[in-house]
Amino acid sequence: MNDLLIGFAGVLAAATPVVVAVIGETFTERAGVINLSANGIILLSAMTGFAAASTSGSAFVGLFAGALVGAIAGTVVSFCSITIKQSQVAVGFILATLFKDLSYFLGAPLMGTTGPTIGTTPIPFLSDIPIIGDLFFKQSWLTYFSFILIIAAFIWIFKTRQGLKLRAVGEQPVSAYTRGINVNRMRYLYTILGAALIGLAGPMYSLSVKAGWKGTLTGLDGIGWIVLSITIFGGWNPLRGAFGAYLFVFLQWLGIVLQTSMPNIPSQVLQVAPFPLMIFTLLFVNIGDTEWVTRILSTLPKPLRSVLLKIIKFIRTPPPSSLGSPFEKE
């Protein structure tokens, strides 16, 4: 039981950067902008944050440096996609590749060096609660921050007037503009904010989850693309997005656990299994209402068909209507 609790607590800790990055991308895409440079931002901010923390001796400086890298990247994305109206997909891919190469090139001198790390900070009294205390209240303050961010982001998007404006900008920008909302300014704001949160995820890895910088061996390449897929899986909802992040990291942890009980299966298969599973889930989300799927479902027993239809309805959420489209004043 103790080993299981430790494992689940480790999942919550390891998922922290993914949760923060997914919420950042959720804010950006809710405003109608796709930031495909997330993978490069995480790599570059992880390297920059580690370098800043090592130089200053302060993990807080490293976290700030990572968020700043993300904010600068978000500004570039905003200018290219909003002001000069270039393809958001093309801009994102170019920046993702550029940031990735920069992180490896500029981070070469940091290979093998040590720097500050962020440890666990148990919360008095709450950490003594059986089971719940071990799971939730013996974490680092970064994980506590992610818990608060999930709730705050959900309330902001769905329960406040500003969140209503954000959703209007992403869904009906023309209508929002006629009601006096500065659409492009809000898109700038949320793209920069979202990228800053993605940038914050980088040093969360290099200063906590995977302390240090090891270049291509760091194991962060690809996380940004998973963040983008989880954002879609989560239906642009912070609560569902966080669930997707925890699910992905849980599957990674499960792959490690199963290696000992399934020695005949190559370890590489279990390590990469979460990635095709996420792809399959996204595929299922997007084909769930096609005609041929409907025909197949109609042949199933009614109880099973009813369950599958409810699952499809739950996980299938249409993207913001203007996602990826530049706003033109009429």
C-alpha atoms as a PDB file:
ATOM      1  CA  MET A   1       0.000   0.000   0.000  1.00  0.00           C
ATOM      2  CA  ASN A   2       2.820   2.392   0.886  1.00  0.00           C
ATOM      3  CA  ASP A   3       4.560   1.713  -2.432  1.00  0.00           C
ATOM      4  CA  LEU A   4       1.310   2.400  -4.277  1.00  0.00           C
ATOM      5  CA  LEU A   5       0.799   5.697  -2.447  1.00  0.00           C
ATOM      6  CA  ILE A   6       4.367   6.715  -3.183  1.00  0.00           C
ATOM      7  CA  GLY A   7       3.796   5.878  -6.827  1.00  0.00           C
ATOM      8  CA  PHE A   8       0.607   7.923  -7.089  1.00  0.00           C
ATOM      9  CA  ALA A   9       2.213  10.822  -5.227  1.00  0.00           C
ATOM     10  CA  GLY A  10       5.080  10.636  -7.701  1.00  0.00           C
ATOM     11  CA  VAL A  11       2.598  10.811 -10.587  1.00  0.00           C
ATOM     12  CA  LEU A  12       1.118  14.035  -9.176  1.00  0.00           C
ATOM     13  CA  ALA A  13       4.590  15.532  -8.824  1.00  0.00           C
ATOM     14  CA  ALA A  14       5.809  14.438 -12.264  1.00  0.00           C
ATOM     15  CA  ALA A  15       2.635  15.727 -13.934  1.00  0.00           C
ATOM     16  CA  THR A  16       3.023  19.231 -12.478  1.00  0.00           C
ATOM     17  CA  PRO A  17       4.889  20.775 -15.465  1.00  0.00           C
ATOM     18  CA  VAL A  18       2.511  19.108 -17.927  1.00  0.00           C
ATOM     19  CA  VAL A  19      -0.525  20.457 -16.049  1.00  0.00           C
ATOM     20  CA  VAL A  20       0.872  24.014 -16.008  1.00  0.00           C
ATOM     21  CA  ALA A  21       1.780  23.891 -19.711  1.00  0.00           C
ATOM     22  CA  VAL A  22      -1.627  22.460 -20.692  1.00  0.00           C
ATOM     23  CA  ILE A  23      -3.427  25.252 -18.844  1.00  0.00           C
ATOM     24  CA  GLY A  24      -1.171  27.793 -20.552  1.00  0.00           C
ATOM     25  CA  GLU A  25      -2.008  26.389 -23.983  1.00  0.00           C
ATOM     26  CA  THR A  26      -5.687  26.254 -23.005  1.00  0.00           C
ATOM     27  CA  PHE A  27      -5.690  30.003 -22.319  1.00  0.00           C
ATOM     28  CA  THR A  28      -3.992  30.691 -25.652  1.00  0.00           C
ATOM     29  CA  GLU A  29      -6.283  28.502 -27.734  1.00  0.00           C
ATOM     30  CA  ARG A  30      -9.388  29.763 -25.959  1.00  0.00           C
ATOM     31  CA  ALA A  31      -8.420  33.175 -27.373  1.00  0.00           C
ATOM     32  CA  GLY A  32      -8.239  31.710 -30.892  1.00  0.00           C
ATOM     33  CA  VAL A  33      -4.462  31.344 -31.280  1.00  0.00           C
ATOM     34  CA  ILE A  34      -2.558  28.076 -31.737  1.00  0.00           C
ATOM     35  CA  ASN A  35       0.929  28.099 -30.210  1.00  0.00           C
ATOM     36  CA  LEU A  36       2.667  25.127 -31.812  1.00  0.00           C
ATOM     37  CA  SER A  37       6.054  26.232 -30.455  1.00  0.00           C
ATOM     38  CA  ALA A  38       5.271  24.703 -27.038  1.00  0.00           C
ATOM     39  CA  ASN A  39       7.815  21.899 -27.432  1.00  0.00           C
ATOM     40  CA  GLY A  40      10.639  24.311 -28.218  1.00  0.00           C
ATOM     41  CA  ILE A  41       9.587  26.693 -25.436  1.00  0.00           C
ATOM     42  CA  ILE A  42       9.745  23.920 -22.826  1.00  0.00           C
ATOM     43  CA  LEU A  43      13.227  22.870 -23.957  1.00  0.00           C
ATOM     44  CA  LEU A  44      14.629  26.400 -24.179  1.00  0.00           C
ATOM     45  CA  SER A  45      13.085  27.533 -20.888  1.00  0.00           C
ATOM     46  CA  ALA A  46      14.303  24.376 -19.113  1.00  0.00           C
ATOM     47  CA  MET A  47      17.858  25.134 -20.224  1.00  0.00           C
ATOM     48  CA  THR A  48      17.600  28.873 -19.547  1.00  0.00           C
ATOM     49  CA  GLY A  49      15.952  28.366 -16.167  1.00  0.00           C
ATOM     50  CA  PHE A  50      18.633  25.899 -15.102  1.00  0.00           C
ATOM     51  CA  ALA A  51      21.393  28.265 -16.280  1.00  0.00           C
ATOM     52  CA  ALA A  52      19.846  31.225 -14.436  1.00  0.00           C
ATOM     53  CA  ALA A  53      19.345  29.203 -11.255  1.00  0.00           C
ATOM     54  CA  SER A  54      22.913  27.840 -11.372  1.00  0.00           C
ATOM     55  CA  THR A  55      24.378  31.297 -11.923  1.00  0.00           C
ATOM     56  CA  SER A  56      22.311  33.059  -9.271  1.00  0.00           C
ATOM     57  CA  GLY A  57      22.008  30.202  -6.808  1.00  0.00           C
ATOM     58  CA  SER A  58      18.259  30.784  -6.654  1.00  0.00           C
ATOM     59  CA  ALA A  59      15.590  28.444  -8.014  1.00  0.00           C
ATOM     60  CA  PHE A  60      13.133  31.356  -8.033  1.00  0.00           C
ATOM     61  CA  VAL A  61      15.360  33.229 -10.489  1.00  0.00           C
ATOM     62  CA  GLY A  62      15.403  30.113 -12.687  1.00  0.00           C
ATOM     63  CA  LEU A  63      11.619  29.860 -12.661  1.00  0.00           C
ATOM     64  CA  PHE A  64      11.292  33.549 -13.512  1.00  0.00           C
ATOM     65  CA  ALA A  65      13.807  33.178 -16.356  1.00  0.00           C
ATOM     66  CA  GLY A  66      11.821  30.261 -17.791  1.00  0.00           C
ATOM     67  CA  ALA A  67       8.562  32.201 -17.644  1.00  0.00           C
ATOM     68  CA  LEU A  68      10.281  35.183 -19.266  1.00  0.00           C
ATOM     69  CA  VAL A  69      11.543  33.019 -22.131  1.00  0.00           C
ATOM     70  CA  GLY A  70       7.998  31.790 -22.638  1.00  0.00           C
ATOM     71  CA  ALA A  71       6.557  35.327 -22.559  1.00  0.00           C
ATOM     72  CA  ILE A  72       9.086  36.507 -25.163  1.00  0.00           C
ATOM     73  CA  ALA A  73       8.228  33.514 -27.357  1.00  0.00           C
ATOM     74  CA  GLY A  74       4.531  34.300 -26.911  1.00  0.00           C
ATOM     75  CA  THR A  75       5.160  37.873 -28.015  1.00  0.00           C
ATOM     76  CA  VAL A  76       6.866  36.630 -31.181  1.00  0.00           C
ATOM     77  CA  VAL A  77       3.997  34.218 -31.872  1.00  0.00           C
ATOM     78  CA  SER A  78       1.479  37.026 -31.298  1.00  0.00           C
ATOM     79  CA  PHE A  79       3.250  39.474 -33.579  1.00  0.00           C
ATOM     80  CA  CYS A  80       3.631  36.962 -36.401  1.00  0.00           C
ATOM     81  CA  SER A  81       0.123  35.489 -36.204  1.00  0.00           C
ATOM     82  CA  ILE A  82      -1.939  38.480 -35.053  1.00  0.00           C
ATOM     83  CA  THR A  83      -0.203  41.616 -36.340  1.00  0.00           C
ATOM     84  CA  ILE A  84       1.284  40.449 -39.634  1.00  0.00           C
ATOM     85  CA  LYS A  85      -1.211  37.560 -39.970  1.00  0.00           C
ATOM     86  CA  GLN A  86       1.170  34.768 -40.906  1.00  0.00           C
ATOM     87  CA  SER A  87       0.161  31.118 -40.709  1.00  0.00           C
ATOM     88  CA  GLN A  88       0.022  30.135 -37.044  1.00  0.00           C
ATOM     89  CA  VAL A  89       0.927  26.566 -37.918  1.00  0.00           C
ATOM     90  CA  ALA A  90       4.006  27.572 -39.928  1.00  0.00           C
ATOM     91  CA  VAL A  91       5.171  30.082 -37.322  1.00  0.00           C
ATOM     92  CA  GLY A  92       4.736  27.527 -34.550  1.00  0.00           C
ATOM     93  CA  PHE A  93       6.694  24.779 -36.326  1.00  0.00           C
ATOM     94  CA  ILE A  94       9.539  27.140 -37.214  1.00  0.00           C
ATOM     95  CA  LEU A  95       9.831  28.477 -33.667  1.00  0.00           C
ATOM     96  CA  ALA A  96       9.590  24.985 -32.166  1.00  0.00           C
ATOM     97  CA  THR A  97      12.563  23.857 -34.261  1.00  0.00           C
ATOM     98  CA  LEU A  98      14.531  27.063 -33.625  1.00  0.00           C
ATOM     99  CA  PHE A  99      14.035  26.974 -29.848  1.00  0.00           C
ATOM    100  CA  LYS A 100      14.882  23.286 -29.700  1.00  0.00           C
ATOM    101  CA  ASP A 101      18.178  23.750 -31.546  1.00  0.00           C
ATOM    102  CA  LEU A 102      19.029  26.839 -29.494  1.00  0.00           C
ATOM    103  CA  SER A 103      18.464  24.957 -26.250  1.00  0.00           C
ATOM    104  CA  TYR A 104      20.895  22.200 -27.249  1.00  0.00           C
ATOM    105  CA  PHE A 105      23.493  24.592 -28.683  1.00  0.00           C
ATOM    106  CA  LEU A 106      23.467  27.184 -25.894  1.00  0.00           C
ATOM    107  CA  GLY A 107      23.070  24.554 -23.199  1.00  0.00           C
ATOM    108  CA  ALA A 108      26.112  22.495 -24.198  1.00  0.00           C
ATOM    109  CA  PRO A 109      28.371  24.100 -21.517  1.00  0.00           C
ATOM    110  CA  LEU A 110      25.804  23.191 -18.831  1.00  0.00           C
ATOM    111  CA  MET A 111      25.994  19.457 -19.475  1.00  0.00           C
ATOM    112  CA  GLY A 112      26.802  17.607 -16.269  1.00  0.00           C
ATOM    113  CA  THR A 113      26.758  20.688 -14.035  1.00  0.00           C
ATOM    114  CA  THR A 114      24.708  20.961 -10.853  1.00  0.00           C
ATOM    115  CA  GLY A 115      22.384  23.673  -9.654  1.00  0.00           C
ATOM    116  CA  PRO A 116      19.651  24.431  -7.125  1.00  0.00           C
ATOM    117  CA  THR A 117      16.726  22.057  -6.858  1.00  0.00           C
ATOM    118  CA  ILE A 118      13.225  22.412  -5.442  1.00  0.00           C
ATOM    119  CA  GLY A 119      12.362  19.747  -2.881  1.00  0.00           C
ATOM    120  CA  THR A 120       9.171  18.724  -1.139  1.00  0.00           C
ATOM    121  CA  THR A 121       7.445  20.996   1.378  1.00  0.00           C
ATOM    122  CA  PRO A 122       4.973  19.029   3.521  1.00  0.00           C
ATOM    123  CA  ILE A 123       2.061  21.122   4.794  1.00  0.00           C
ATOM    124  CA  PRO A 124       1.799  20.921   8.601  1.00  0.00           C
ATOM    125  CA  PHE A 125      -1.200  18.988   9.958  1.00  0.00           C
ATOM    126  CA  LEU A 126      -2.613  18.313   6.476  1.00  0.00           C
ATOM    127  CA  SER A 127       0.318  16.045   5.620  1.00  0.00           C
ATOM    128  CA  ASP A 128      -0.560  13.887   8.644  1.00  0.00           C
ATOM    129  CA  ILE A 129      -3.983  12.932   7.230  1.00  0.00           C
ATOM    130  CA  PRO A 130      -3.920   9.227   6.286  1.00  0.00           C
ATOM    131  CA  ILE A 131      -3.637   8.545   2.556  1.00  0.00           C
ATOM    132  CA  ILE A 132      -4.784  12.039   1.469  1.00  0.00           C
ATOM    133  CA  GLY A 133      -1.889  13.659   3.304  1.00  0.00           C
ATOM    134  CA  ASP A 134       0.641  11.338   1.650  1.00  0.00           C
ATOM    135  CA  LEU A 135      -0.860  11.960  -1.778  1.00  0.00           C
ATOM    136  CA  PHE A 136      -1.518  15.687  -1.835  1.00  0.00           C
ATOM    137  CA  PHE A 137       0.216  17.436   1.043  1.00  0.00           C
ATOM    138  CA  LYS A 138       3.764  16.062   0.955  1.00  0.00           C
ATOM    139  CA  GLN A 139       4.584  17.619  -2.392  1.00  0.00           C
ATOM    140  CA  SER A 140       6.728  20.521  -3.534  1.00  0.00           C
ATOM    141  CA  TRP A 141       5.226  24.000  -3.573  1.00  0.00           C
ATOM    142  CA  LEU A 142       5.255  23.769  -7.388  1.00  0.00           C
ATOM    143  CA  THR A 143       2.693  20.976  -7.197  1.00  0.00           C
ATOM    144  CA  TYR A 144       0.567  22.995  -4.762  1.00  0.00           C
ATOM    145  CA  PHE A 145       0.767  25.877  -7.235  1.00  0.00           C
ATOM    146  CA  SER A 146      -0.496  23.595 -10.016  1.00  0.00           C
ATOM    147  CA  PHE A 147      -3.495  22.543  -7.889  1.00  0.00           C
ATOM    148  CA  ILE A 148      -4.402  26.194  -7.304  1.00  0.00           C
ATOM    149  CA  LEU A 149      -3.833  27.029 -10.979  1.00  0.00           C
ATOM    150  CA  ILE A 150      -6.260  24.334 -12.132  1.00  0.00           C
ATOM    151  CA  ILE A 151      -9.071  25.696  -9.981  1.00  0.00           C
ATOM    152  CA  ALA A 152      -8.262  29.352 -10.662  1.00  0.00           C
ATOM    153  CA  ALA A 153      -8.109  28.811 -14.437  1.00  0.00           C
ATOM    154  CA  PHE A 154     -11.441  26.971 -14.467  1.00  0.00           C
ATOM    155  CA  ILE A 155     -13.146  29.711 -12.441  1.00  0.00           C
ATOM    156  CA  TRP A 156     -11.571  32.455 -14.581  1.00  0.00           C
ATOM    157  CA  ILE A 157     -12.639  30.916 -17.888  1.00  0.00           C
ATOM    158  CA  PHE A 158     -16.133  29.718 -17.001  1.00  0.00           C
ATOM    159  CA  LYS A 159     -17.293  31.743 -13.991  1.00  0.00           C
ATOM    160  CA  THR A 160     -16.096  35.328 -14.534  1.00  0.00           C
ATOM    161  CA  ARG A 161     -16.930  38.174 -16.886  1.00  0.00           C
ATOM    162  CA  GLN A 162     -13.349  38.279 -18.142  1.00  0.00           C
ATOM    163  CA  GLY A 163     -13.563  34.580 -18.937  1.00  0.00           C
ATOM    164  CA  LEU A 164     -16.745  35.213 -20.901  1.00  0.00           C
ATOM    165  CA  LYS A 165     -14.873  37.831 -22.929  1.00  0.00           C
ATOM    166  CA  LEU A 166     -12.052  35.352 -23.507  1.00  0.00           C
ATOM    167  CA  ARG A 167     -14.447  32.711 -24.810  1.00  0.00           C
ATOM    168  CA  ALA A 168     -16.189  35.290 -26.976  1.00  0.00           C
ATOM    169  CA  VAL A 169     -12.885  36.293 -28.558  1.00  0.00           C
ATOM    170  CA  GLY A 170     -12.166  32.656 -29.402  1.00  0.00           C
ATOM    171  CA  GLU A 171     -15.667  31.731 -30.530  1.00  0.00           C
ATOM    172  CA  GLN A 172     -17.162  34.870 -32.123  1.00  0.00           C
ATOM    173  CA  PRO A 173     -14.475  37.559 -32.502  1.00  0.00           C
ATOM    174  CA  VAL A 174     -16.606  39.731 -34.799  1.00  0.00           C
ATOM    175  CA  SER A 175     -19.466  39.792 -32.284  1.00  0.00           C
ATOM    176  CA  ALA A 176     -17.001  40.466 -29.480  1.00  0.00           C
ATOM    177  CA  TYR A 177     -15.532  43.384 -31.442  1.00  0.00           C
ATOM    178  CA  THR A 178     -18.946  44.927 -32.057  1.00  0.00           C
ATOM    179  CA  ARG A 179     -19.525  44.837 -28.298  1.00  0.00           C
ATOM    180  CA  GLY A 180     -16.405  46.897 -27.694  1.00  0.00           C
ATOM    181  CA  ILE A 181     -13.867  44.159 -26.940  1.00  0.00           C
ATOM    182  CA  ASN A 182     -10.380  44.727 -28.357  1.00  0.00           C
ATOM    183  CA  VAL A 183      -9.989  41.268 -29.891  1.00  0.00           C
ATOM    184  CA  ASN A 184      -6.353  41.480 -30.964  1.00  0.00           C
ATOM    185  CA  ARG A 185      -5.218  43.004 -27.684  1.00  0.00           C
ATOM    186  CA  MET A 186      -6.858  40.163 -25.765  1.00  0.00           C
ATOM    187  CA  ARG A 187      -5.301  37.621 -28.091  1.00  0.00           C
ATOM    188  CA  TYR A 188      -1.879  39.192 -27.455  1.00  0.00           C
ATOM    189  CA  LEU A 189      -2.499  39.077 -23.702  1.00  0.00           C
ATOM    190  CA  TYR A 190      -3.585  35.446 -23.522  1.00  0.00           C
ATOM    191  CA  THR A 191      -0.990  34.217 -25.998  1.00  0.00           C
ATOM    192  CA  ILE A 192       1.778  35.796 -23.925  1.00  0.00           C
ATOM    193  CA  LEU A 193       0.237  34.577 -20.660  1.00  0.00           C
ATOM    194  CA  GLY A 194      -0.182  31.059 -22.016  1.00  0.00           C
ATOM    195  CA  ALA A 195       3.371  30.962 -23.366  1.00  0.00           C
ATOM    196  CA  ALA A 196       4.707  32.238 -20.019  1.00  0.00           C
ATOM    197  CA  LEU A 197       3.009  29.312 -18.265  1.00  0.00           C
ATOM    198  CA  ILE A 198       4.475  26.917 -20.841  1.00  0.00           C
ATOM    199  CA  GLY A 199       7.858  28.542 -20.220  1.00  0.00           C
ATOM    200  CA  LEU A 200       7.393  28.054 -16.492  1.00  0.00           C
ATOM    201  CA  ALA A 201       6.980  24.322 -17.097  1.00  0.00           C
ATOM    202  CA  GLY A 202      10.542  24.103 -18.460  1.00  0.00           C
ATOM    203  CA  PRO A 203      12.451  24.932 -15.250  1.00  0.00           C
ATOM    204  CA  MET A 204       9.888  22.907 -13.301  1.00  0.00           C
ATOM    205  CA  TYR A 205      11.545  19.980 -15.041  1.00  0.00           C
ATOM    206  CA  SER A 206      15.186  21.072 -14.855  1.00  0.00           C
ATOM    207  CA  LEU A 207      14.944  22.262 -11.223  1.00  0.00           C
ATOM    208  CA  SER A 208      12.617  19.612  -9.800  1.00  0.00           C
ATOM    209  CA  VAL A 209      11.155  16.715 -11.766  1.00  0.00           C
ATOM    210  CA  LYS A 210      14.268  15.984 -13.862  1.00  0.00           C
ATOM    211  CA  ALA A 211      16.884  18.099 -12.099  1.00  0.00           C
ATOM    212  CA  GLY A 212      19.773  19.264 -14.261  1.00  0.00           C
ATOM    213  CA  TRP A 213      20.377  19.803 -17.946  1.00  0.00           C
ATOM    214  CA  LYS A 214      21.620  16.917 -20.060  1.00  0.00           C
ATOM    215  CA  GLY A 215      20.911  18.156 -23.566  1.00  0.00           C
ATOM    216  CA  THR A 216      19.322  15.543 -25.799  1.00  0.00           C
ATOM    217  CA  LEU A 217      19.415  13.085 -22.893  1.00  0.00           C
ATOM    218  CA  THR A 218      17.189  15.320 -20.776  1.00  0.00           C
ATOM    219  CA  GLY A 219      14.130  13.507 -22.091  1.00  0.00           C
ATOM    220  CA  LEU A 220      11.985  16.592 -22.615  1.00  0.00           C
ATOM    221  CA  ASP A 221      11.792  16.558 -26.393  1.00  0.00           C
ATOM    222  CA  GLY A 222       8.236  15.649 -27.328  1.00  0.00           C
ATOM    223  CA  ILE A 223       6.573  16.839 -24.121  1.00  0.00           C
ATOM    224  CA  GLY A 224       5.353  20.010 -25.851  1.00  0.00           C
ATOM    225  CA  TRP A 225       3.565  18.019 -28.527  1.00  0.00           C
ATOM    226  CA  ILE A 226       1.910  15.924 -25.822  1.00  0.00           C
ATOM    227  CA  VAL A 227       0.812  19.184 -24.163  1.00  0.00           C
ATOM    228  CA  LEU A 228      -0.875  20.229 -27.395  1.00  0.00           C
ATOM    229  CA  SER A 229      -2.653  16.883 -27.730  1.00  0.00           C
ATOM    230  CA  ILE A 230      -3.802  16.915 -24.090  1.00  0.00           C
ATOM    231  CA  THR A 231      -5.221  20.407 -24.613  1.00  0.00           C
ATOM    232  CA  ILE A 232      -7.410  18.973 -27.368  1.00  0.00           C
ATOM    233  CA  PHE A 233      -8.198  15.861 -25.324  1.00  0.00           C
ATOM    234  CA  GLY A 234      -9.233  18.122 -22.446  1.00  0.00           C
ATOM    235  CA  GLY A 235     -11.715  20.006 -24.590  1.00  0.00           C
ATOM    236  CA  TRP A 236     -10.049  23.351 -23.770  1.00  0.00           C
ATOM    237  CA  ASN A 237     -11.194  22.917 -20.180  1.00  0.00           C
ATOM    238  CA  PRO A 238      -8.593  23.241 -17.355  1.00  0.00           C
ATOM    239  CA  LEU A 239     -10.156  20.451 -15.283  1.00  0.00           C
ATOM    240  CA  ARG A 240     -10.272  17.949 -18.129  1.00  0.00           C
ATOM    241  CA  GLY A 241      -6.866  19.086 -19.350  1.00  0.00           C
ATOM    242  CA  ALA A 242      -5.375  18.436 -15.918  1.00  0.00           C
ATOM    243  CA  PHE A 243      -7.010  14.999 -15.900  1.00  0.00           C
ATOM    244  CA  GLY A 244      -5.407  14.269 -19.273  1.00  0.00           C
ATOM    245  CA  ALA A 245      -1.997  15.346 -17.939  1.00  0.00           C
ATOM    246  CA  TYR A 246      -2.308  13.088 -14.897  1.00  0.00           C
ATOM    247  CA  LEU A 247      -3.509  10.231 -17.100  1.00  0.00           C
ATOM    248  CA  PHE A 248      -0.533  10.571 -19.439  1.00  0.00           C
ATOM    249  CA  VAL A 249       2.021  10.599 -16.600  1.00  0.00           C
ATOM    250  CA  PHE A 250       0.182   7.724 -14.892  1.00  0.00           C
ATOM    251  CA  LEU A 251       0.512   5.653 -18.064  1.00  0.00           C
ATOM    252  CA  GLN A 252       4.237   6.457 -18.149  1.00  0.00           C
ATOM    253  CA  TRP A 253       4.580   5.347 -14.528  1.00  0.00           C
ATOM    254  CA  LEU A 254       2.537   2.224 -15.224  1.00  0.00           C
ATOM    255  CA  GLY A 255       4.895   1.354 -18.065  1.00  0.00           C
ATOM    256  CA  ILE A 256       7.834   1.480 -15.659  1.00  0.00           C
ATOM    257  CA  VAL A 257       6.003  -0.655 -13.081  1.00  0.00           C
ATOM    258  CA  LEU A 258       5.004  -3.275 -15.656  1.00  0.00           C
ATOM    259  CA  GLN A 259       8.580  -3.739 -16.852  1.00  0.00           C
ATOM    260  CA  THR A 260       9.348  -5.918 -13.825  1.00  0.00           C
ATOM    261  CA  SER A 261       6.229  -8.077 -14.252  1.00  0.00           C
ATOM    262  CA  MET A 262       6.554  -8.389 -18.049  1.00  0.00           C
ATOM    263  CA  PRO A 263      10.255  -9.054 -18.667  1.00  0.00           C
ATOM    264  CA  ASN A 264       9.616 -10.586 -22.100  1.00  0.00           C
ATOM    265  CA  ILE A 265       8.288  -7.284 -23.467  1.00  0.00           C
ATOM    266  CA  PRO A 266      11.060  -4.866 -24.530  1.00  0.00           C
ATOM    267  CA  SER A 267      11.244  -1.932 -22.127  1.00  0.00           C
ATOM    268  CA  GLN A 268      11.113   0.529 -25.043  1.00  0.00           C
ATOM    269  CA  VAL A 269       7.608  -0.694 -25.927  1.00  0.00           C
ATOM    270  CA  LEU A 270       6.261   0.062 -22.471  1.00  0.00           C
ATOM    271  CA  GLN A 271       8.054   3.414 -22.304  1.00  0.00           C
ATOM    272  CA  VAL A 272       6.528   4.725 -25.549  1.00  0.00           C
ATOM    273  CA  ALA A 273       3.081   3.134 -25.023  1.00  0.00           C
ATOM    274  CA  PRO A 274       1.503   6.323 -23.563  1.00  0.00           C
ATOM    275  CA  PHE A 275       2.253   8.252 -26.763  1.00  0.00           C
ATOM    276  CA  PRO A 276       0.271   6.033 -29.210  1.00  0.00           C
ATOM    277  CA  LEU A 277      -2.470   5.721 -26.595  1.00  0.00           C
ATOM    278  CA  MET A 278      -2.858   9.517 -26.561  1.00  0.00           C
ATOM    279  CA  ILE A 279      -2.858   9.545 -30.373  1.00  0.00           C
ATOM    280  CA  PHE A 280      -5.521   6.819 -30.414  1.00  0.00           C
ATOM    281  CA  THR A 281      -7.625   8.797 -27.946  1.00  0.00           C
ATOM    282  CA  LEU A 282      -7.406  11.911 -30.117  1.00  0.00           C
ATOM    283  CA  LEU A 283      -8.325   9.840 -33.162  1.00  0.00           C
ATOM    284  CA  PHE A 284     -11.309   8.428 -31.290  1.00  0.00           C
ATOM    285  CA  VAL A 285     -12.373  11.949 -30.310  1.00  0.00           C
ATOM    286  CA  ASN A 286     -12.297  13.161 -33.914  1.00  0.00           C
ATOM    287  CA  ILE A 287     -13.945  10.168 -35.599  1.00  0.00           C
ATOM    288  CA  GLY A 288     -16.556   9.625 -32.910  1.00  0.00           C
ATOM    289  CA  ASP A 289     -19.416  11.177 -34.879  1.00  0.00           C
ATOM    290  CA  THR A 290     -18.555   9.956 -38.370  1.00  0.00           C
ATOM    291  CA  GLU A 291     -21.092   7.928 -40.350  1.00  0.00           C
ATOM    292  CA  TRP A 292     -19.156   4.665 -40.335  1.00  0.00           C
ATOM    293  CA  VAL A 293     -18.634   4.810 -36.569  1.00  0.00           C
ATOM    294  CA  THR A 294     -22.370   5.435 -36.143  1.00  0.00           C
ATOM    295  CA  ARG A 295     -23.099   2.353 -38.266  1.00  0.00           C
ATOM    296  CA  ILE A 296     -20.767   0.196 -36.172  1.00  0.00           C
ATOM    297  CA  LEU A 297     -22.294   1.468 -32.942  1.00  0.00           C
ATOM    298  CA  SER A 298     -25.790   0.668 -34.227  1.00  0.00           C
ATOM    299  CA  THR A 299     -24.843  -3.030 -34.431  1.00  0.00           C
ATOM    300  CA  LEU A 300     -23.834  -3.206 -30.773  1.00  0.00           C
ATOM    301  CA  PRO A 301     -26.155  -4.176 -27.903  1.00  0.00           C
ATOM    302  CA  LYS A 302     -28.142  -1.210 -26.649  1.00  0.00           C
ATOM    303  CA  PRO A 303     -26.535  -1.005 -23.162  1.00  0.00           C
ATOM    304  CA  LEU A 304     -23.012  -1.051 -24.636  1.00  0.00           C
ATOM    305  CA  ARG A 305     -23.971   1.405 -27.382  1.00  0.00           C
ATOM    306  CA  SER A 306     -25.459   3.771 -24.812  1.00  0.00           C
ATOM    307  CA  VAL A 307     -22.261   3.730 -22.742  1.00  0.00           C
ATOM    308  CA  LEU A 308     -20.025   4.328 -25.762  1.00  0.00           C
ATOM    309  CA  LEU A 309     -22.207   7.197 -26.995  1.00  0.00           C
ATOM    310  CA  LYS A 310     -22.002   8.859 -23.587  1.00  0.00           C
ATOM    311  CA  ILE A 311     -18.210   8.492 -23.591  1.00  0.00           C
ATOM    312  CA  ILE A 312     -17.950   9.974 -27.097  1.00  0.00           C
ATOM    313  CA  LYS A 313     -20.244  12.847 -26.174  1.00  0.00           C
ATOM    314  CA  PHE A 314     -18.202  13.554 -23.050  1.00  0.00           C
ATOM    315  CA  ILE A 315     -14.773  13.597 -24.665  1.00  0.00           C
ATOM    316  CA  ARG A 316     -15.758  15.209 -27.965  1.00  0.00           C
ATOM    317  CA  THR A 317     -15.705  18.984 -27.590  1.00  0.00           C
ATOM    318  CA  PRO A 318     -15.540  21.256 -30.656  1.00  0.00           C
ATOM    319  CA  PRO A 319     -12.583  23.680 -30.668  1.00  0.00           C
ATOM    320  CA  PRO A 320     -13.107  27.447 -30.405  1.00  0.00           C
ATOM    321  CA  SER A 321     -14.717  28.482 -33.695  1.00  0.00           C
ATOM    322  CA  SER A 322     -12.020  30.988 -34.674  1.00  0.00           C
ATOM    323  CA  LEU A 323      -9.046  28.900 -33.564  1.00  0.00           C
ATOM    324  CA  GLY A 324      -6.150  29.512 -35.932  1.00  0.00           C
ATOM    325  CA  SER A 325      -7.951  32.232 -37.904  1.00  0.00           C
ATOM    326  CA  PRO A 326      -6.696  35.841 -37.885  1.00  0.00           C
ATOM    327  CA  PHE A 327      -9.224  38.498 -36.939  1.00  0.00           C
ATOM    328  CA  GLU A 328     -10.121  41.053 -39.611  1.00  0.00           C
ATOM    329  CA  LYS A 329     -11.997  44.207 -38.652  1.00  0.00           C
ATOM    330  CA  GLU A 330     -14.965  44.629 -40.950  1.00  0.00           C
END
